[in-house]
N, C-alpha and C. Protein backbone atom coordinates (compact mmCIF):
# COMPACT_ATOMS: atom_id res chain seq x y z
N MET A 1 82.89 113.69 74.68
CA MET A 1 83.80 113.25 73.64
C MET A 1 85.18 112.93 74.21
N ARG A 2 85.67 113.78 75.12
CA ARG A 2 86.98 113.56 75.73
C ARG A 2 86.99 112.26 76.51
N ARG A 3 85.87 111.94 77.19
CA ARG A 3 85.80 110.71 77.96
C ARG A 3 85.86 109.49 77.04
N VAL A 4 85.17 109.57 75.90
CA VAL A 4 85.18 108.46 74.94
C VAL A 4 86.59 108.23 74.44
N LEU A 5 87.29 109.32 74.05
CA LEU A 5 88.66 109.20 73.55
C LEU A 5 89.59 108.66 74.62
N LEU A 6 89.40 109.09 75.88
CA LEU A 6 90.23 108.59 76.98
C LEU A 6 90.03 107.10 77.17
N SER A 7 88.77 106.64 77.11
CA SER A 7 88.49 105.22 77.28
C SER A 7 89.12 104.40 76.17
N LEU A 8 89.05 104.92 74.91
CA LEU A 8 89.66 104.20 73.79
C LEU A 8 91.17 104.14 73.94
N PHE A 9 91.76 105.24 74.40
CA PHE A 9 93.21 105.27 74.62
C PHE A 9 93.62 104.25 75.68
N LEU A 10 92.87 104.19 76.79
CA LEU A 10 93.20 103.27 77.86
C LEU A 10 93.06 101.83 77.42
N MET A 11 92.05 101.54 76.62
CA MET A 11 91.87 100.17 76.15
C MET A 11 93.02 99.74 75.26
N MET A 12 93.62 100.72 74.51
CA MET A 12 94.78 100.39 73.69
C MET A 12 96.04 100.33 74.54
N ALA A 13 96.11 101.20 75.55
CA ALA A 13 97.32 101.25 76.39
C ALA A 13 97.39 100.09 77.35
N LEU A 14 96.23 99.50 77.68
CA LEU A 14 96.19 98.38 78.62
C LEU A 14 95.59 97.17 77.90
N PRO A 15 96.33 96.59 76.99
CA PRO A 15 95.75 95.53 76.16
C PRO A 15 95.32 94.34 76.98
N GLY A 16 94.17 93.76 76.59
CA GLY A 16 93.74 92.50 77.18
C GLY A 16 92.95 92.64 78.45
N ILE A 17 92.86 93.84 79.03
CA ILE A 17 92.17 93.96 80.31
C ILE A 17 90.70 93.57 80.18
N CYS A 18 90.00 94.18 79.22
CA CYS A 18 88.58 93.89 79.11
C CYS A 18 88.34 92.50 78.52
N MET A 19 89.19 92.11 77.55
CA MET A 19 89.01 90.81 76.94
C MET A 19 89.21 89.70 77.94
N ALA A 20 90.13 89.93 78.92
CA ALA A 20 90.40 88.90 79.92
C ALA A 20 89.16 88.58 80.73
N TRP A 21 88.26 89.55 80.82
CA TRP A 21 87.04 89.35 81.59
C TRP A 21 85.96 88.65 80.78
N ASP A 22 86.09 88.67 79.46
CA ASP A 22 84.97 88.31 78.60
C ASP A 22 83.76 89.19 78.92
N LEU A 23 84.04 90.39 79.40
CA LEU A 23 83.02 91.39 79.69
C LEU A 23 83.45 92.70 79.06
N LYS A 24 82.51 93.58 78.88
CA LYS A 24 82.82 94.87 78.30
C LYS A 24 82.46 95.97 79.29
N PRO A 25 83.18 97.09 79.25
CA PRO A 25 82.78 98.23 80.07
C PRO A 25 81.32 98.57 79.81
N GLY A 26 80.58 98.80 80.86
CA GLY A 26 79.15 99.09 80.73
C GLY A 26 78.28 97.97 81.24
N GLU A 27 78.87 96.82 81.57
CA GLU A 27 78.06 95.76 82.17
C GLU A 27 77.36 96.33 83.41
N LYS A 28 76.05 96.10 83.50
CA LYS A 28 75.26 96.66 84.60
C LYS A 28 74.33 95.58 85.14
N ILE A 29 74.42 95.34 86.44
CA ILE A 29 73.58 94.33 87.09
C ILE A 29 72.65 95.05 88.06
N HIS A 30 71.35 94.84 87.88
CA HIS A 30 70.34 95.47 88.73
C HIS A 30 69.89 94.49 89.81
N TYR A 31 69.66 95.00 91.01
CA TYR A 31 69.22 94.18 92.13
C TYR A 31 68.06 94.85 92.86
N LYS A 32 67.22 94.03 93.47
CA LYS A 32 66.32 94.54 94.49
C LYS A 32 66.95 94.23 95.84
N ILE A 33 66.78 95.16 96.78
CA ILE A 33 67.28 94.96 98.12
C ILE A 33 66.13 94.47 98.98
N GLN A 34 66.34 93.36 99.66
CA GLN A 34 65.31 92.79 100.51
C GLN A 34 65.81 92.70 101.96
N GLN A 35 64.89 92.94 102.87
CA GLN A 35 65.17 92.79 104.30
C GLN A 35 64.01 92.01 104.92
N ILE A 36 64.34 90.87 105.45
CA ILE A 36 63.34 89.94 106.01
C ILE A 36 62.25 89.66 104.97
N GLY A 37 62.67 89.47 103.71
CA GLY A 37 61.74 89.11 102.65
C GLY A 37 60.99 90.26 102.02
N LEU A 38 61.14 91.48 102.53
CA LEU A 38 60.43 92.64 101.99
C LEU A 38 61.39 93.54 101.22
N LYS A 39 60.94 94.06 100.08
CA LYS A 39 61.78 94.95 99.29
C LYS A 39 61.93 96.29 100.00
N THR A 40 63.19 96.74 100.14
CA THR A 40 63.46 98.01 100.80
C THR A 40 64.23 98.99 99.92
N GLY A 41 64.61 98.56 98.70
CA GLY A 41 65.35 99.47 97.84
C GLY A 41 65.86 98.76 96.60
N ASN A 42 66.70 99.47 95.86
CA ASN A 42 67.31 98.95 94.64
C ASN A 42 68.81 99.21 94.66
N ALA A 43 69.54 98.38 93.93
CA ALA A 43 70.99 98.53 93.85
C ALA A 43 71.46 98.19 92.45
N THR A 44 72.63 98.70 92.09
CA THR A 44 73.25 98.36 90.82
C THR A 44 74.74 98.14 91.02
N LEU A 45 75.29 97.23 90.23
CA LEU A 45 76.74 97.04 90.11
C LEU A 45 77.10 97.31 88.66
N ILE A 46 78.10 98.17 88.45
CA ILE A 46 78.51 98.53 87.09
C ILE A 46 80.01 98.28 86.94
N PHE A 47 80.38 97.58 85.87
CA PHE A 47 81.79 97.47 85.52
C PHE A 47 82.07 98.56 84.50
N ALA A 48 82.71 99.64 84.94
CA ALA A 48 82.92 100.81 84.08
C ALA A 48 84.19 100.71 83.24
N GLY A 49 85.09 99.78 83.59
CA GLY A 49 86.26 99.55 82.76
C GLY A 49 87.45 100.45 83.09
N PRO A 50 88.41 100.56 82.15
CA PRO A 50 89.66 101.28 82.42
C PRO A 50 89.45 102.77 82.68
N LYS A 51 90.11 103.27 83.72
CA LYS A 51 90.08 104.69 84.07
C LYS A 51 91.45 105.08 84.62
N VAL A 52 91.84 106.33 84.35
CA VAL A 52 93.01 106.89 85.03
C VAL A 52 92.50 107.69 86.22
N TYR A 53 92.97 107.34 87.41
CA TYR A 53 92.53 108.02 88.63
C TYR A 53 93.76 108.32 89.47
N ARG A 54 93.95 109.59 89.78
CA ARG A 54 95.12 110.03 90.55
C ARG A 54 96.42 109.50 89.93
N LYS A 55 96.47 109.61 88.63
CA LYS A 55 97.64 109.23 87.83
C LYS A 55 97.92 107.73 87.87
N ARG A 56 96.93 106.94 88.24
CA ARG A 56 97.09 105.49 88.26
C ARG A 56 96.16 104.87 87.22
N HIS A 57 96.65 103.86 86.51
CA HIS A 57 95.78 103.09 85.62
C HIS A 57 94.97 102.13 86.48
N THR A 58 93.67 102.19 86.35
CA THR A 58 92.78 101.39 87.19
C THR A 58 91.64 100.83 86.36
N LEU A 59 90.88 99.94 86.98
CA LEU A 59 89.56 99.55 86.50
C LEU A 59 88.55 100.05 87.52
N LEU A 60 87.42 100.54 87.04
CA LEU A 60 86.43 101.14 87.94
C LEU A 60 85.20 100.24 88.05
N ILE A 61 84.82 99.94 89.29
CA ILE A 61 83.58 99.24 89.62
C ILE A 61 82.72 100.23 90.41
N ILE A 62 81.46 100.35 90.05
CA ILE A 62 80.56 101.29 90.75
C ILE A 62 79.43 100.50 91.39
N PHE A 63 79.26 100.72 92.69
CA PHE A 63 78.13 100.14 93.41
C PHE A 63 77.24 101.28 93.90
N GLU A 64 75.93 101.13 93.70
CA GLU A 64 74.99 102.15 94.17
C GLU A 64 73.76 101.48 94.76
N ALA A 65 73.38 101.92 95.94
CA ALA A 65 72.18 101.38 96.60
C ALA A 65 71.31 102.54 97.06
N LYS A 66 69.99 102.43 96.81
CA LYS A 66 69.04 103.46 97.21
C LYS A 66 67.85 102.80 97.89
N GLY A 67 67.38 103.46 98.92
CA GLY A 67 66.19 102.97 99.61
C GLY A 67 65.64 104.07 100.48
N PHE A 68 64.66 103.71 101.31
CA PHE A 68 64.04 104.69 102.19
C PHE A 68 65.07 105.18 103.21
N ASN A 69 65.39 106.46 103.14
CA ASN A 69 66.32 107.10 104.07
C ASN A 69 67.75 106.58 103.99
N PHE A 70 68.15 106.01 102.83
CA PHE A 70 69.56 105.70 102.68
C PHE A 70 69.98 105.75 101.21
N PHE A 71 71.20 106.19 101.02
CA PHE A 71 71.85 106.20 99.71
C PHE A 71 73.31 105.87 99.93
N ASP A 72 73.84 104.97 99.12
CA ASP A 72 75.23 104.54 99.27
C ASP A 72 75.81 104.36 97.87
N GLU A 73 76.81 105.18 97.53
CA GLU A 73 77.51 105.01 96.27
C GLU A 73 78.99 104.77 96.57
N GLU A 74 79.54 103.73 95.96
CA GLU A 74 80.97 103.43 96.09
C GLU A 74 81.56 103.35 94.70
N ARG A 75 82.60 104.15 94.47
CA ARG A 75 83.37 104.08 93.23
C ARG A 75 84.70 103.40 93.60
N ILE A 76 84.85 102.18 93.14
CA ILE A 76 85.94 101.32 93.59
C ILE A 76 86.96 101.20 92.45
N TYR A 77 88.12 101.78 92.65
CA TYR A 77 89.18 101.75 91.65
C TYR A 77 90.15 100.62 92.02
N VAL A 78 90.29 99.66 91.12
CA VAL A 78 91.08 98.46 91.43
C VAL A 78 92.26 98.34 90.48
N SER A 79 93.26 97.57 90.91
CA SER A 79 94.42 97.29 90.08
C SER A 79 94.01 96.41 88.90
N PRO A 80 94.42 96.77 87.66
CA PRO A 80 94.05 95.94 86.52
C PRO A 80 94.62 94.51 86.60
N GLY A 81 95.73 94.33 87.28
CA GLY A 81 96.36 93.02 87.31
C GLY A 81 95.70 92.03 88.25
N ASN A 82 95.29 92.50 89.43
CA ASN A 82 94.79 91.56 90.45
C ASN A 82 93.47 91.98 91.09
N PHE A 83 92.89 93.08 90.62
CA PHE A 83 91.60 93.54 91.13
C PHE A 83 91.62 93.82 92.63
N LYS A 84 92.78 94.18 93.16
CA LYS A 84 92.86 94.64 94.54
C LYS A 84 92.49 96.13 94.57
N PRO A 85 91.77 96.58 95.60
CA PRO A 85 91.36 97.99 95.64
C PRO A 85 92.54 98.93 95.84
N LEU A 86 92.54 100.02 95.08
CA LEU A 86 93.54 101.08 95.23
C LEU A 86 92.93 102.31 95.89
N PHE A 87 91.72 102.68 95.45
CA PHE A 87 90.99 103.82 96.02
C PHE A 87 89.50 103.45 96.05
N VAL A 88 88.82 103.94 97.07
CA VAL A 88 87.36 103.83 97.12
C VAL A 88 86.80 105.19 97.51
N GLU A 89 85.94 105.73 96.66
CA GLU A 89 85.20 106.96 96.97
C GLU A 89 83.81 106.56 97.45
N ARG A 90 83.42 107.03 98.61
CA ARG A 90 82.10 106.72 99.15
C ARG A 90 81.29 108.01 99.28
N ASN A 91 80.06 107.93 98.83
CA ASN A 91 79.11 109.04 98.96
C ASN A 91 77.90 108.48 99.68
N LEU A 92 77.70 108.89 100.92
CA LEU A 92 76.67 108.30 101.78
C LEU A 92 75.64 109.35 102.21
N ASN A 93 74.40 108.90 102.33
CA ASN A 93 73.35 109.71 102.95
C ASN A 93 72.47 108.73 103.72
N ILE A 94 72.74 108.59 104.99
CA ILE A 94 72.03 107.64 105.84
C ILE A 94 71.16 108.42 106.83
N PHE A 95 69.84 108.33 106.65
CA PHE A 95 68.90 109.06 107.50
C PHE A 95 69.26 110.54 107.58
N GLY A 96 69.63 111.12 106.43
CA GLY A 96 69.92 112.55 106.35
C GLY A 96 71.33 112.93 106.72
N LYS A 97 72.13 111.99 107.20
CA LYS A 97 73.52 112.28 107.53
C LYS A 97 74.38 111.99 106.30
N LYS A 98 74.92 113.08 105.71
CA LYS A 98 75.69 112.95 104.49
C LYS A 98 77.18 112.90 104.80
N GLU A 99 77.88 112.03 104.07
CA GLU A 99 79.32 111.92 104.23
C GLU A 99 79.96 111.62 102.89
N ARG A 100 81.11 112.20 102.67
CA ARG A 100 81.96 111.85 101.54
C ARG A 100 83.29 111.35 102.10
N ILE A 101 83.67 110.17 101.69
CA ILE A 101 84.84 109.51 102.25
C ILE A 101 85.73 109.03 101.12
N LEU A 102 87.03 109.20 101.27
CA LEU A 102 88.00 108.63 100.33
C LEU A 102 88.88 107.66 101.10
N GLU A 103 89.00 106.45 100.57
CA GLU A 103 89.89 105.45 101.15
C GLU A 103 91.03 105.19 100.17
N GLU A 104 92.25 105.25 100.66
CA GLU A 104 93.43 104.96 99.85
C GLU A 104 94.08 103.70 100.40
N TYR A 105 94.22 102.69 99.53
CA TYR A 105 94.71 101.38 99.95
C TYR A 105 96.17 101.20 99.51
N SER A 106 96.96 100.64 100.40
CA SER A 106 98.32 100.21 100.06
C SER A 106 98.66 99.01 100.93
N ASP A 107 99.74 98.35 100.63
CA ASP A 107 100.10 97.15 101.37
C ASP A 107 100.39 97.52 102.83
N GLY A 108 99.52 97.07 103.73
CA GLY A 108 99.72 97.32 105.15
C GLY A 108 99.02 98.54 105.70
N HIS A 109 98.38 99.34 104.83
CA HIS A 109 97.77 100.60 105.31
C HIS A 109 96.49 100.91 104.54
N ILE A 110 95.55 101.55 105.23
CA ILE A 110 94.40 102.18 104.60
C ILE A 110 94.30 103.59 105.17
N LYS A 111 94.35 104.58 104.31
CA LYS A 111 94.16 105.97 104.73
C LYS A 111 92.72 106.34 104.47
N ILE A 112 92.01 106.82 105.49
CA ILE A 112 90.61 107.19 105.37
C ILE A 112 90.50 108.70 105.56
N ILE A 113 89.97 109.38 104.53
CA ILE A 113 89.90 110.84 104.54
C ILE A 113 88.43 111.25 104.53
N LYS A 114 88.01 111.99 105.58
CA LYS A 114 86.67 112.54 105.67
C LYS A 114 86.81 114.05 105.84
N GLY A 115 86.63 114.78 104.75
CA GLY A 115 86.81 116.23 104.83
C GLY A 115 88.24 116.56 105.23
N LYS A 116 88.39 117.28 106.34
CA LYS A 116 89.72 117.65 106.83
C LYS A 116 90.31 116.60 107.77
N ASN A 117 89.52 115.61 108.08
CA ASN A 117 89.98 114.59 109.03
C ASN A 117 90.56 113.38 108.30
N GLN A 118 91.63 112.85 108.85
CA GLN A 118 92.27 111.67 108.29
C GLN A 118 92.60 110.68 109.39
N GLN A 119 92.52 109.41 109.05
CA GLN A 119 93.02 108.38 109.94
C GLN A 119 93.62 107.27 109.09
N THR A 120 94.58 106.57 109.67
CA THR A 120 95.24 105.48 108.97
C THR A 120 95.05 104.20 109.76
N ILE A 121 94.60 103.17 109.07
CA ILE A 121 94.47 101.85 109.67
C ILE A 121 95.66 101.02 109.21
N ASP A 122 96.43 100.52 110.16
CA ASP A 122 97.55 99.65 109.84
C ASP A 122 97.11 98.21 109.96
N LYS A 123 97.31 97.46 108.89
CA LYS A 123 96.87 96.08 108.86
C LYS A 123 97.84 95.29 107.99
N ALA A 124 98.34 94.19 108.51
CA ALA A 124 99.32 93.39 107.77
C ALA A 124 98.73 92.90 106.46
N GLY A 125 99.54 92.96 105.40
CA GLY A 125 99.08 92.47 104.11
C GLY A 125 98.19 93.46 103.40
N TRP A 126 97.43 92.96 102.44
CA TRP A 126 96.57 93.81 101.62
C TRP A 126 95.13 93.71 102.09
N THR A 127 94.48 94.86 102.20
CA THR A 127 93.08 94.90 102.62
C THR A 127 92.18 94.95 101.41
N ASP A 128 91.10 94.20 101.47
CA ASP A 128 90.25 94.00 100.31
C ASP A 128 88.95 94.79 100.43
N ASN A 129 88.14 94.70 99.40
CA ASN A 129 86.80 95.27 99.32
C ASN A 129 85.90 94.16 98.81
N ILE A 130 84.71 94.00 99.36
CA ILE A 130 83.88 92.83 99.03
C ILE A 130 83.50 92.82 97.55
N PHE A 131 83.24 93.99 96.95
CA PHE A 131 82.86 94.00 95.54
C PHE A 131 84.08 93.76 94.65
N ALA A 132 85.25 94.30 95.05
CA ALA A 132 86.47 93.98 94.31
C ALA A 132 86.74 92.48 94.34
N PHE A 133 86.50 91.86 95.50
CA PHE A 133 86.68 90.41 95.60
C PHE A 133 85.75 89.67 94.66
N ILE A 134 84.49 90.09 94.59
CA ILE A 134 83.52 89.42 93.72
C ILE A 134 83.96 89.47 92.26
N TYR A 135 84.42 90.64 91.80
CA TYR A 135 84.87 90.74 90.42
C TYR A 135 86.17 89.97 90.19
N ARG A 136 87.05 89.98 91.17
CA ARG A 136 88.30 89.23 91.02
C ARG A 136 88.03 87.73 90.92
N TYR A 137 87.10 87.23 91.73
CA TYR A 137 86.81 85.80 91.68
C TYR A 137 86.11 85.45 90.37
N ARG A 138 85.28 86.35 89.86
CA ARG A 138 84.68 86.12 88.55
C ARG A 138 85.76 85.97 87.48
N LYS A 139 86.81 86.79 87.58
CA LYS A 139 87.87 86.80 86.57
C LYS A 139 88.86 85.66 86.77
N GLN A 140 89.27 85.42 88.01
CA GLN A 140 90.41 84.54 88.28
C GLN A 140 90.06 83.26 89.02
N GLY A 141 88.84 83.16 89.55
CA GLY A 141 88.50 82.00 90.38
C GLY A 141 88.34 80.73 89.56
N SER A 142 88.65 79.60 90.18
CA SER A 142 88.53 78.31 89.49
C SER A 142 87.11 77.77 89.53
N PHE A 143 86.30 78.25 90.47
CA PHE A 143 84.93 77.78 90.66
C PHE A 143 84.88 76.26 90.83
N LYS A 144 85.80 75.78 91.65
CA LYS A 144 85.81 74.37 92.02
C LYS A 144 85.23 74.23 93.42
N ILE A 145 84.34 73.26 93.59
CA ILE A 145 83.75 73.03 94.91
C ILE A 145 84.87 72.77 95.91
N GLY A 146 84.82 73.49 97.03
CA GLY A 146 85.86 73.36 98.04
C GLY A 146 86.89 74.47 98.00
N ASP A 147 86.85 75.34 96.95
CA ASP A 147 87.74 76.50 96.92
C ASP A 147 87.62 77.27 98.23
N THR A 148 88.77 77.59 98.85
CA THR A 148 88.78 78.36 100.09
C THR A 148 89.70 79.56 99.91
N LEU A 149 89.19 80.75 100.25
CA LEU A 149 89.95 81.98 100.07
C LEU A 149 89.85 82.84 101.32
N ASP A 150 90.94 83.50 101.66
CA ASP A 150 90.96 84.45 102.77
C ASP A 150 90.69 85.85 102.23
N ILE A 151 89.83 86.59 102.93
CA ILE A 151 89.55 87.98 102.59
C ILE A 151 89.84 88.84 103.82
N HIS A 152 90.61 89.90 103.61
CA HIS A 152 90.94 90.81 104.70
C HIS A 152 90.25 92.15 104.43
N LEU A 153 89.12 92.36 105.10
CA LEU A 153 88.38 93.61 104.99
C LEU A 153 88.85 94.60 106.05
N PRO A 154 88.54 95.89 105.90
CA PRO A 154 89.02 96.87 106.89
C PRO A 154 88.61 96.55 108.32
N THR A 155 87.42 95.97 108.52
CA THR A 155 86.93 95.75 109.88
C THR A 155 86.98 94.30 110.33
N LYS A 156 87.26 93.38 109.39
CA LYS A 156 87.28 91.97 109.79
C LYS A 156 88.05 91.14 108.77
N ASP A 157 88.56 90.02 109.23
CA ASP A 157 89.16 89.02 108.36
C ASP A 157 88.23 87.82 108.32
N MET A 158 88.17 87.17 107.18
CA MET A 158 87.28 86.01 107.08
C MET A 158 87.79 85.06 106.00
N THR A 159 87.25 83.87 106.04
CA THR A 159 87.52 82.87 105.02
C THR A 159 86.21 82.54 104.33
N VAL A 160 86.24 82.50 103.01
CA VAL A 160 85.04 82.13 102.25
C VAL A 160 85.33 80.83 101.51
N LYS A 161 84.27 80.03 101.35
CA LYS A 161 84.43 78.72 100.73
C LYS A 161 83.32 78.51 99.71
N LEU A 162 83.69 77.95 98.57
CA LEU A 162 82.70 77.57 97.57
C LEU A 162 82.17 76.20 97.98
N LEU A 163 80.92 76.17 98.41
CA LEU A 163 80.37 74.98 99.05
C LEU A 163 79.70 74.00 98.10
N ARG A 164 78.96 74.52 97.11
CA ARG A 164 78.18 73.59 96.29
C ARG A 164 77.63 74.30 95.06
N GLN A 165 77.13 73.49 94.14
CA GLN A 165 76.31 74.01 93.05
C GLN A 165 74.85 73.98 93.50
N ASP A 166 74.10 74.93 93.00
CA ASP A 166 72.74 75.11 93.49
C ASP A 166 71.86 75.54 92.32
N SER A 167 70.59 75.71 92.57
CA SER A 167 69.68 76.30 91.59
C SER A 167 68.72 77.21 92.33
N MET A 168 68.29 78.27 91.66
CA MET A 168 67.43 79.25 92.30
C MET A 168 66.64 79.99 91.23
N ASN A 169 65.51 80.56 91.64
CA ASN A 169 64.71 81.38 90.74
C ASN A 169 65.12 82.84 90.89
N VAL A 170 65.65 83.40 89.82
CA VAL A 170 66.12 84.78 89.83
C VAL A 170 65.71 85.44 88.51
N ALA A 171 65.23 86.67 88.60
CA ALA A 171 64.84 87.44 87.41
C ALA A 171 63.85 86.67 86.54
N GLY A 172 62.95 85.94 87.19
CA GLY A 172 61.87 85.28 86.48
C GLY A 172 62.20 83.94 85.85
N LYS A 173 63.39 83.40 86.15
CA LYS A 173 63.70 82.08 85.60
C LYS A 173 64.63 81.32 86.53
N LYS A 174 64.67 80.01 86.33
CA LYS A 174 65.52 79.16 87.15
C LYS A 174 66.96 79.29 86.69
N GLN A 175 67.86 79.51 87.64
CA GLN A 175 69.27 79.70 87.33
C GLN A 175 70.10 78.66 88.07
N HIS A 176 71.05 78.04 87.36
CA HIS A 176 72.03 77.19 88.01
C HIS A 176 73.12 78.08 88.56
N SER A 177 73.64 77.75 89.74
CA SER A 177 74.55 78.67 90.41
C SER A 177 75.60 77.94 91.22
N PHE A 178 76.63 78.71 91.61
CA PHE A 178 77.62 78.29 92.58
C PHE A 178 77.38 79.07 93.87
N TYR A 179 77.43 78.39 95.00
CA TYR A 179 77.13 79.03 96.29
C TYR A 179 78.40 79.12 97.13
N MET A 180 78.71 80.35 97.60
CA MET A 180 79.89 80.63 98.41
C MET A 180 79.45 81.29 99.70
N GLU A 181 80.10 80.92 100.82
CA GLU A 181 79.72 81.47 102.13
C GLU A 181 80.96 81.72 102.97
N SER A 182 80.93 82.78 103.78
CA SER A 182 82.03 83.06 104.69
C SER A 182 81.91 82.20 105.94
N ASP A 183 83.04 82.01 106.63
CA ASP A 183 83.03 81.17 107.83
C ASP A 183 82.14 81.75 108.92
N SER A 184 81.96 83.07 108.93
CA SER A 184 81.09 83.70 109.92
C SER A 184 79.62 83.59 109.55
N GLY A 185 79.34 83.29 108.28
CA GLY A 185 77.97 83.26 107.80
C GLY A 185 77.42 84.63 107.43
N ASN A 186 78.24 85.68 107.60
CA ASN A 186 77.78 87.04 107.32
C ASN A 186 77.66 87.31 105.82
N TYR A 187 78.52 86.68 105.03
CA TYR A 187 78.52 86.90 103.59
C TYR A 187 78.13 85.61 102.87
N LYS A 188 77.17 85.72 101.94
CA LYS A 188 76.75 84.60 101.11
C LYS A 188 76.58 85.12 99.69
N ILE A 189 77.19 84.41 98.74
CA ILE A 189 77.18 84.87 97.36
C ILE A 189 76.82 83.70 96.44
N TRP A 190 75.89 83.94 95.54
CA TRP A 190 75.52 82.97 94.51
C TRP A 190 75.96 83.52 93.16
N PHE A 191 76.83 82.81 92.44
CA PHE A 191 77.25 83.18 91.09
C PHE A 191 76.53 82.27 90.09
N ASP A 192 76.12 82.84 88.95
CA ASP A 192 75.49 81.95 87.98
C ASP A 192 76.54 81.03 87.36
N ALA A 193 76.08 79.92 86.81
CA ALA A 193 76.99 78.87 86.35
C ALA A 193 77.41 79.05 84.89
N SER A 194 77.04 80.17 84.27
CA SER A 194 77.49 80.44 82.91
C SER A 194 78.93 80.93 82.94
N GLU A 195 79.52 81.14 81.75
CA GLU A 195 80.90 81.63 81.70
C GLU A 195 81.04 83.03 82.30
N LYS A 196 79.93 83.79 82.39
CA LYS A 196 80.00 85.15 82.93
C LYS A 196 80.09 85.18 84.44
N LYS A 197 79.63 84.12 85.11
CA LYS A 197 79.67 84.02 86.58
C LYS A 197 79.05 85.27 87.22
N ILE A 198 77.85 85.62 86.79
CA ILE A 198 77.17 86.82 87.29
C ILE A 198 76.77 86.61 88.75
N PRO A 199 77.05 87.56 89.64
CA PRO A 199 76.57 87.44 91.02
C PRO A 199 75.05 87.64 91.08
N LEU A 200 74.33 86.54 91.28
CA LEU A 200 72.88 86.56 91.25
C LEU A 200 72.27 87.07 92.55
N ARG A 201 72.93 86.75 93.63
CA ARG A 201 72.39 87.07 94.96
C ARG A 201 73.58 87.31 95.89
N ILE A 202 73.51 88.40 96.65
CA ILE A 202 74.61 88.76 97.55
C ILE A 202 74.01 89.12 98.90
N SER A 203 74.44 88.42 99.91
CA SER A 203 73.97 88.69 101.27
C SER A 203 75.14 89.19 102.11
N GLY A 204 74.93 90.33 102.80
CA GLY A 204 75.94 90.86 103.71
C GLY A 204 76.69 92.07 103.21
N ALA A 205 76.57 92.39 101.92
CA ALA A 205 77.34 93.51 101.36
C ALA A 205 76.81 94.86 101.81
N ILE A 206 75.50 94.95 102.11
CA ILE A 206 74.91 96.18 102.62
C ILE A 206 74.82 96.04 104.14
N LYS A 207 75.35 97.04 104.83
CA LYS A 207 75.51 96.92 106.27
C LYS A 207 74.23 97.21 107.04
N MET A 208 73.21 96.43 106.75
CA MET A 208 71.99 96.46 107.53
C MET A 208 71.59 95.01 107.79
N ALA A 209 70.99 94.77 108.93
CA ALA A 209 70.70 93.39 109.34
C ALA A 209 69.77 92.69 108.36
N ASN A 210 70.08 91.42 108.08
CA ASN A 210 69.21 90.56 107.27
C ASN A 210 68.91 91.13 105.89
N THR A 211 69.91 91.76 105.28
CA THR A 211 69.73 92.41 103.99
C THR A 211 70.39 91.59 102.89
N VAL A 212 69.65 91.40 101.79
CA VAL A 212 70.17 90.62 100.67
C VAL A 212 69.85 91.35 99.37
N MET A 213 70.77 91.26 98.38
CA MET A 213 70.56 91.81 97.05
C MET A 213 70.24 90.66 96.12
N VAL A 214 69.16 90.77 95.36
CA VAL A 214 68.72 89.72 94.44
C VAL A 214 68.63 90.32 93.04
N MET A 215 69.31 89.72 92.07
CA MET A 215 69.34 90.27 90.72
C MET A 215 67.95 90.33 90.09
N THR A 216 67.66 91.43 89.42
CA THR A 216 66.40 91.57 88.70
C THR A 216 66.62 91.73 87.19
N LYS A 217 67.80 92.20 86.80
CA LYS A 217 68.05 92.44 85.38
C LYS A 217 69.55 92.50 85.13
N TYR A 218 69.96 92.01 83.97
CA TYR A 218 71.38 92.03 83.58
C TYR A 218 71.49 92.74 82.23
N GLU A 219 72.44 93.69 82.14
CA GLU A 219 72.67 94.42 80.89
C GLU A 219 74.15 94.40 80.54
N GLU A 220 74.44 94.21 79.25
CA GLU A 220 75.83 94.33 78.77
C GLU A 220 75.98 95.61 77.98
């Protein structure tokens, strides 16, 4: 009950946040994870909406991936204004090695906390998160062929470009889409061509070779 009241309070205190998306908290996108054409697991992306975290007003995006000998959950708290990451909580279990990591983002710095250990990465400008970028482009992107954007991730900088409109079979039907690719070729994203701009297929977001997420179900 307290969580429901908190969510209602935040939606009133932060007017227009959810409406600006034309999405509602609770949007859930299901994916199958494929590696070299074979299914190796499942993943979900959830737009959880307004949350107060560490006394900051944020929007929460949740990514979860499960498969044989791996589990990866990321709770990504982003700025309501520009969808830049503020905090990322990671809960990992890779081949039995469990880790809990907190990342704190600020202009020019990322603080990474693992238990009692801390390290700070100094990087000019603002550092991004691939899922935060996907939601930001859904909200603010023009979706014009030729759009070019720079993304600064903790381990690499890259440029992504919207190359063309495409069509593909996803979730049992043919979908019209926009195709975006990074200059390195490591990241490839297909957004559906409806007003929701749902990410239908994402390649490169899971850090295993030749891994792609393909949408199987969409829930609002």
